[in-house]
Protein backbone atom coordinates (compact mmCIF):
# COMPACT_ATOMS: atom_id res chain seq x y z
CA MET A 1 127.99 90.64 116.21
CA ALA A 2 125.58 92.14 119.32
CA ASN A 3 121.66 92.24 118.41
CA THR A 4 121.22 96.71 118.19
CA PRO A 5 117.48 97.16 119.65
CA ARG A 6 114.43 97.75 117.49
CA PRO A 7 113.08 101.11 117.88
CA THR A 8 109.64 101.19 118.92
CA PRO A 9 107.07 102.25 116.07
CA ILE A 10 105.60 105.45 116.63
CA SER A 11 101.34 105.34 116.53
CA LEU A 12 100.56 108.53 115.26
CA GLU A 13 97.10 110.43 115.88
CA ILE A 14 95.83 113.47 113.85
CA PRO A 15 93.90 115.49 115.77
CA ALA A 16 90.18 116.40 114.63
CA GLY A 17 90.43 119.27 112.99
CA LEU A 18 93.49 119.17 111.54
CA GLU A 19 93.81 121.86 108.74
CA THR A 20 95.24 120.02 105.46
CA ILE A 21 97.19 122.89 102.96
CA TYR A 22 97.72 122.37 99.40
CA ALA A 23 101.31 124.21 98.99
CA ASN A 24 102.64 124.98 95.75
CA LEU A 25 105.50 127.81 96.35
CA ALA A 26 108.40 126.98 99.80
CA ARG A 27 110.70 129.07 101.49
CA ILE A 28 114.26 127.32 102.96
CA SER A 29 115.91 128.93 104.94
CA HIS A 30 118.28 127.81 107.92
CA SER A 31 120.45 129.35 110.90
CA PRO A 32 123.21 127.53 112.55
CA ALA A 33 120.68 125.62 114.30
CA ASP A 34 117.80 124.93 112.50
CA ILE A 35 116.06 124.97 109.60
CA VAL A 36 112.80 126.55 108.60
CA MET A 37 110.24 126.06 105.48
CA ASP A 38 106.82 127.90 104.51
CA PHE A 39 104.43 126.65 102.91
CA ALA A 40 102.29 129.06 100.81
CA HIS A 41 99.90 128.92 96.92
CA ALA A 42 100.10 131.30 94.85
CA LEU A 43 98.24 131.95 92.74
CA PRO A 44 99.35 132.01 88.66
CA GLY A 45 99.89 135.92 87.24
CA GLU A 46 99.70 137.03 91.44
CA ASN A 47 102.27 138.65 93.15
CA LYS A 48 101.72 138.05 96.52
CA ALA A 49 101.13 134.06 98.63
CA VAL A 50 100.65 134.13 102.17
CA ILE A 51 102.23 131.35 104.73
CA ARG A 52 100.00 129.26 105.23
CA ALA A 53 102.54 126.99 107.26
CA ARG A 54 105.63 126.49 108.59
CA LEU A 55 108.30 123.65 109.83
CA LEU A 56 111.20 123.80 111.90
CA MET A 57 113.61 121.31 111.38
CA SER A 58 116.92 120.62 113.55
CA PRO A 59 119.49 119.55 110.65
CA LEU A 60 120.05 116.30 111.36
CA SER A 61 115.78 116.41 110.97
CA ALA A 62 115.22 118.32 107.67
CA LYS A 63 118.34 115.66 107.11
CA LEU A 64 116.44 112.54 107.58
CA PHE A 65 113.44 114.19 106.01
CA PHE A 66 115.18 114.90 103.06
CA ARG A 67 116.64 111.42 102.58
CA ALA A 68 112.24 110.34 103.57
CA LEU A 69 111.31 111.48 100.97
CA GLY A 70 113.75 111.18 98.42
CA GLU A 71 112.58 107.60 99.51
CA ASN A 72 108.97 108.32 98.79
CA ILE A 73 109.23 109.83 95.43
CA ALA A 74 111.35 106.72 94.23
CA ARG A 75 109.05 105.02 95.23
CA TYR A 76 105.93 106.76 93.74
CA GLU A 77 108.10 107.31 90.30
CA ALA A 78 108.79 103.44 90.36
CA ALA A 79 104.51 102.80 90.57
CA PHE A 80 103.35 105.93 87.99
CA GLY A 81 106.68 106.92 85.84
CA GLU A 82 108.94 109.00 86.01
CA ILE A 83 107.91 113.01 87.41
CA VAL A 84 109.39 114.88 84.95
CA VAL A 85 110.84 117.98 85.57
CA PRO A 86 110.71 121.08 83.53
CA GLY A 87 114.46 122.24 81.64
CA ASN A 88 115.44 125.28 80.23
CA THR A 89 113.91 127.63 82.81
CA SER A 90 114.10 126.61 86.63
CA LEU A 91 111.41 125.17 88.10
CA ALA A 92 109.97 128.85 89.76
CA GLU A 93 109.58 129.81 86.13
CA HIS A 94 108.03 127.06 85.04
CA LEU A 95 105.09 127.11 87.87
CA PHE A 96 104.67 130.64 88.17
CA ARG A 97 104.99 132.57 85.25
CA PRO A 98 101.77 134.74 84.32
CA HIS A 99 98.45 133.40 83.57
CA GLN A 100 99.01 132.71 79.48
CA PRO A 101 95.18 132.06 77.56
CA PRO A 102 95.04 129.11 75.62
CA GLU A 103 96.07 129.11 71.91
CA PRO A 104 92.87 129.06 69.37
CA PRO A 105 92.48 126.00 67.75
CA ALA A 106 94.60 126.81 63.92
CA ASP A 107 91.48 126.50 62.34
CA LYS A 108 89.96 129.37 63.82
CA LYS A 109 92.43 131.78 64.02
CA GLU A 110 93.33 134.73 61.32
């Protein structure tokens, strides 16, 4: 069995002023050469969201990212419990349905 060289770890540097965004909406599209992921923050009750970040990857890089994300979610759930995805509706319907005011307490209903 031949010795396979191990990849050299890459040192990552976070530049000063790097903006962190929160995204609860992603649009994914592709061409034969690229996978494009657009990220936005949609507010409840709004029908418009501005794309705040775009990630462009090769299909191979996107597949490796998908694998790494799955492994990280599995470790998260092992540490903190299962992430429950709502049933009976699409995730988009659950996240972006119009704002519903809370029900009044039973003793306050007329």
